[in-house]
Amino acid sequence: MMKSVKSKAEEKFAQINQRDKKAAVEKKKADQERAEHVQKLRTLRLAKEASDREEAARIKAMPKKPKAARRKPEAAVTAPAKPEVG
C-alpha cells in the first residue's frame, strides 16, 4: 500500500529532527573538547609565567659579581702631545 502524504511528511520530519539532535550533540561535544583544550593551554601558560617570575626573583636575589677595574689604554696615557708648528 501507498503511504499517505501526511505519514511521509511525518517520517521526513522525524528524520530531520533526529539529524538535528545528532548534530547538536556533536557540536556540544566539539565545544566541550575545545574548552578543555583552551583550559589546558591556559594552565600551562600560567604555570610558565609563574616559573618565569620565580626564576627572575632568584636571579635578582643572587649576589652580583664585582666589576673589574677598567684600565685606561696605555697608548693614550704615554703618548706625548705634538708640538705646534707655526
N, C-alpha and C. Protein backbone atom coordinates (compact mmCIF):
# COMPACT_ATOMS: atom_id res chain seq x y z
N MET A 1 0.81 -1.19 0.00
CA MET A 1 0.00 0.00 0.00
C MET A 1 0.86 1.25 0.00
N MET A 2 0.30 2.26 -0.54
CA MET A 2 1.00 3.55 -0.59
C MET A 2 0.79 4.28 0.72
N LYS A 3 1.86 4.89 1.16
CA LYS A 3 1.74 5.68 2.39
C LYS A 3 1.09 7.00 2.04
N SER A 4 0.41 7.52 3.00
CA SER A 4 -0.22 8.81 2.76
C SER A 4 0.84 9.91 2.77
N VAL A 5 0.52 11.02 2.19
CA VAL A 5 1.42 12.15 2.13
C VAL A 5 1.74 12.62 3.55
N LYS A 6 0.76 12.57 4.41
CA LYS A 6 0.96 13.01 5.79
C LYS A 6 1.98 12.13 6.51
N SER A 7 1.87 10.83 6.34
CA SER A 7 2.80 9.94 7.02
C SER A 7 4.22 10.08 6.46
N LYS A 8 4.34 10.33 5.15
CA LYS A 8 5.65 10.57 4.55
C LYS A 8 6.28 11.84 5.12
N ALA A 9 5.47 12.86 5.26
CA ALA A 9 5.95 14.12 5.79
C ALA A 9 6.37 13.95 7.25
N GLU A 10 5.60 13.17 8.00
CA GLU A 10 5.94 12.93 9.40
C GLU A 10 7.25 12.16 9.52
N GLU A 11 7.46 11.18 8.64
CA GLU A 11 8.71 10.43 8.66
C GLU A 11 9.90 11.33 8.32
N LYS A 12 9.71 12.17 7.31
CA LYS A 12 10.76 13.10 6.91
C LYS A 12 11.08 14.07 8.06
N PHE A 13 10.03 14.56 8.71
CA PHE A 13 10.20 15.47 9.84
C PHE A 13 10.95 14.78 10.98
N ALA A 14 10.63 13.54 11.24
CA ALA A 14 11.30 12.78 12.30
C ALA A 14 12.78 12.58 11.96
N GLN A 15 13.07 12.29 10.69
CA GLN A 15 14.46 12.12 10.27
C GLN A 15 15.26 13.42 10.44
N ILE A 16 14.62 14.51 10.05
CA ILE A 16 15.30 15.81 10.17
C ILE A 16 15.54 16.14 11.64
N ASN A 17 14.56 15.91 12.49
CA ASN A 17 14.73 16.16 13.92
C ASN A 17 15.85 15.30 14.50
N GLN A 18 15.88 14.05 14.11
CA GLN A 18 16.91 13.14 14.61
C GLN A 18 18.29 13.61 14.16
N ARG A 19 18.39 14.02 12.90
CA ARG A 19 19.66 14.51 12.37
C ARG A 19 20.10 15.79 13.09
N ASP A 20 19.14 16.68 13.34
CA ASP A 20 19.44 17.93 14.05
C ASP A 20 19.91 17.66 15.48
N LYS A 21 19.26 16.72 16.15
CA LYS A 21 19.66 16.37 17.52
C LYS A 21 21.07 15.80 17.53
N LYS A 22 21.36 14.94 16.55
CA LYS A 22 22.69 14.34 16.47
C LYS A 22 23.74 15.42 16.21
N ALA A 23 23.43 16.35 15.33
CA ALA A 23 24.36 17.44 15.03
C ALA A 23 24.57 18.32 16.26
N ALA A 24 23.52 18.56 17.03
CA ALA A 24 23.64 19.38 18.24
C ALA A 24 24.52 18.68 19.27
N VAL A 25 24.38 17.38 19.40
CA VAL A 25 25.19 16.61 20.35
C VAL A 25 26.67 16.66 19.92
N GLU A 26 26.91 16.48 18.61
CA GLU A 26 28.29 16.53 18.11
C GLU A 26 28.90 17.92 18.31
N LYS A 27 28.12 18.96 18.08
CA LYS A 27 28.60 20.33 18.26
C LYS A 27 28.92 20.58 19.73
N LYS A 28 28.05 20.11 20.61
CA LYS A 28 28.28 20.29 22.05
C LYS A 28 29.55 19.56 22.47
N LYS A 29 29.76 18.37 21.94
CA LYS A 29 30.96 17.60 22.25
C LYS A 29 32.21 18.33 21.75
N ALA A 30 32.16 18.86 20.54
CA ALA A 30 33.29 19.59 19.98
C ALA A 30 33.56 20.85 20.80
N ASP A 31 32.52 21.56 21.21
CA ASP A 31 32.69 22.75 22.04
C ASP A 31 33.34 22.40 23.37
N GLN A 32 32.92 21.30 23.96
CA GLN A 32 33.48 20.86 25.24
C GLN A 32 34.96 20.51 25.09
N GLU A 33 35.30 19.79 24.00
CA GLU A 33 36.69 19.44 23.77
C GLU A 33 37.55 20.69 23.57
N ARG A 34 37.02 21.65 22.84
CA ARG A 34 37.77 22.91 22.62
C ARG A 34 37.95 23.66 23.94
N ALA A 35 36.91 23.71 24.75
CA ALA A 35 37.01 24.40 26.04
C ALA A 35 38.06 23.72 26.93
N GLU A 36 38.10 22.40 26.93
CA GLU A 36 39.10 21.67 27.71
C GLU A 36 40.50 21.96 27.19
N HIS A 37 40.65 22.02 25.86
CA HIS A 37 41.95 22.30 25.27
C HIS A 37 42.42 23.71 25.64
N VAL A 38 41.53 24.68 25.55
CA VAL A 38 41.86 26.06 25.90
C VAL A 38 42.24 26.15 27.38
N GLN A 39 41.51 25.45 28.23
CA GLN A 39 41.82 25.45 29.66
C GLN A 39 43.19 24.85 29.93
N LYS A 40 43.53 23.79 29.21
CA LYS A 40 44.83 23.16 29.37
C LYS A 40 45.94 24.14 28.96
N LEU A 41 45.75 24.81 27.82
CA LEU A 41 46.74 25.78 27.37
C LEU A 41 46.88 26.93 28.36
N ARG A 42 45.78 27.39 28.91
CA ARG A 42 45.80 28.48 29.88
C ARG A 42 46.57 28.06 31.13
N THR A 43 46.31 26.84 31.59
CA THR A 43 47.01 26.32 32.77
C THR A 43 48.51 26.25 32.53
N LEU A 44 48.89 25.76 31.35
CA LEU A 44 50.32 25.68 31.01
C LEU A 44 50.95 27.07 30.94
N ARG A 45 50.23 28.02 30.35
CA ARG A 45 50.76 29.39 30.24
C ARG A 45 50.95 30.00 31.62
N LEU A 46 49.95 29.84 32.49
CA LEU A 46 50.05 30.41 33.83
C LEU A 46 51.18 29.77 34.63
N ALA A 47 51.37 28.47 34.45
CA ALA A 47 52.46 27.78 35.15
C ALA A 47 53.81 28.29 34.65
N LYS A 48 53.94 28.51 33.34
CA LYS A 48 55.18 29.02 32.79
C LYS A 48 55.44 30.44 33.29
N GLU A 49 54.42 31.28 33.32
CA GLU A 49 54.59 32.64 33.81
C GLU A 49 55.05 32.65 35.27
N ALA A 50 54.47 31.78 36.09
CA ALA A 50 54.86 31.69 37.49
C ALA A 50 56.32 31.23 37.60
N SER A 51 56.69 30.26 36.79
CA SER A 51 58.06 29.76 36.80
C SER A 51 59.03 30.86 36.38
N ASP A 52 58.65 31.63 35.37
CA ASP A 52 59.50 32.72 34.91
C ASP A 52 59.66 33.79 35.99
N ARG A 53 58.58 34.09 36.71
CA ARG A 53 58.66 35.08 37.80
C ARG A 53 59.58 34.58 38.91
N GLU A 54 59.47 33.30 39.26
CA GLU A 54 60.32 32.73 40.29
C GLU A 54 61.79 32.77 39.86
N GLU A 55 62.05 32.44 38.60
CA GLU A 55 63.41 32.46 38.08
C GLU A 55 63.98 33.88 38.11
N ALA A 56 63.18 34.86 37.72
CA ALA A 56 63.62 36.25 37.73
C ALA A 56 63.91 36.71 39.16
N ALA A 57 63.08 36.31 40.11
CA ALA A 57 63.30 36.68 41.50
C ALA A 57 64.57 36.02 42.04
N ARG A 58 64.81 34.78 41.63
CA ARG A 58 66.01 34.06 42.08
C ARG A 58 67.26 34.73 41.52
N ILE A 59 67.22 35.11 40.26
CA ILE A 59 68.37 35.76 39.65
C ILE A 59 68.61 37.11 40.30
N LYS A 60 67.55 37.84 40.57
CA LYS A 60 67.68 39.15 41.18
C LYS A 60 68.26 39.04 42.59
N ALA A 61 67.96 37.98 43.31
CA ALA A 61 68.42 37.80 44.68
C ALA A 61 69.87 37.33 44.75
N MET A 62 70.43 36.87 43.64
CA MET A 62 71.81 36.39 43.63
C MET A 62 72.76 37.58 43.83
N PRO A 63 73.86 37.36 44.58
CA PRO A 63 74.82 38.46 44.76
C PRO A 63 75.50 38.75 43.43
N LYS A 64 75.74 40.02 43.20
CA LYS A 64 76.36 40.43 41.95
C LYS A 64 77.86 40.25 42.03
N LYS A 65 78.47 39.92 40.92
CA LYS A 65 79.92 39.77 40.86
C LYS A 65 80.52 41.17 40.82
N PRO A 66 81.64 41.39 41.54
CA PRO A 66 82.27 42.72 41.49
C PRO A 66 82.83 42.96 40.09
N LYS A 67 82.69 44.18 39.65
CA LYS A 67 83.20 44.52 38.33
C LYS A 67 84.70 44.75 38.41
N ALA A 68 85.40 44.33 37.41
CA ALA A 68 86.85 44.54 37.36
C ALA A 68 87.12 46.01 37.07
N ALA A 69 88.19 46.53 37.67
CA ALA A 69 88.54 47.94 37.45
C ALA A 69 88.95 48.11 35.99
N ARG A 70 88.46 49.15 35.40
CA ARG A 70 88.79 49.40 34.00
C ARG A 70 90.10 50.18 33.95
N ARG A 71 90.97 49.75 33.09
CA ARG A 71 92.25 50.42 32.94
C ARG A 71 92.22 51.23 31.66
N LYS A 72 92.85 52.36 31.70
CA LYS A 72 92.95 53.18 30.51
C LYS A 72 93.95 52.52 29.57
N PRO A 73 93.72 52.63 28.29
CA PRO A 73 94.70 52.07 27.36
C PRO A 73 96.03 52.79 27.51
N GLU A 74 97.14 52.04 27.48
CA GLU A 74 98.46 52.62 27.70
C GLU A 74 98.84 53.60 26.60
N ALA A 75 98.41 53.38 25.40
CA ALA A 75 98.77 54.26 24.29
C ALA A 75 98.24 55.67 24.55
N ALA A 76 97.10 55.82 25.10
CA ALA A 76 96.52 57.13 25.36
C ALA A 76 97.23 57.80 26.53
N VAL A 77 97.76 57.06 27.46
CA VAL A 77 98.42 57.61 28.64
C VAL A 77 99.85 58.05 28.32
N THR A 78 100.59 57.29 27.54
CA THR A 78 102.01 57.56 27.32
C THR A 78 102.28 58.40 26.08
N ALA A 79 101.33 58.63 25.23
CA ALA A 79 101.58 59.39 24.00
C ALA A 79 101.71 60.87 24.31
N PRO A 80 102.87 61.49 24.00
CA PRO A 80 103.05 62.93 24.26
C PRO A 80 102.28 63.75 23.22
N ALA A 81 101.94 64.95 23.60
CA ALA A 81 101.23 65.85 22.71
C ALA A 81 102.20 66.34 21.65
N LYS A 82 101.74 66.54 20.43
CA LYS A 82 102.59 67.02 19.34
C LYS A 82 102.78 68.53 19.50
N PRO A 83 103.99 68.99 19.34
CA PRO A 83 104.20 70.44 19.43
C PRO A 83 103.62 71.13 18.21
N GLU A 84 103.11 72.32 18.43
CA GLU A 84 102.51 73.07 17.33
C GLU A 84 103.59 73.78 16.56
N VAL A 85 103.52 73.74 15.28
CA VAL A 85 104.47 74.43 14.41
C VAL A 85 103.75 75.61 13.78
N GLY A 86 104.35 76.77 13.92
CA GLY A 86 103.60 77.79 13.27
C GLY A 86 103.92 79.17 13.46
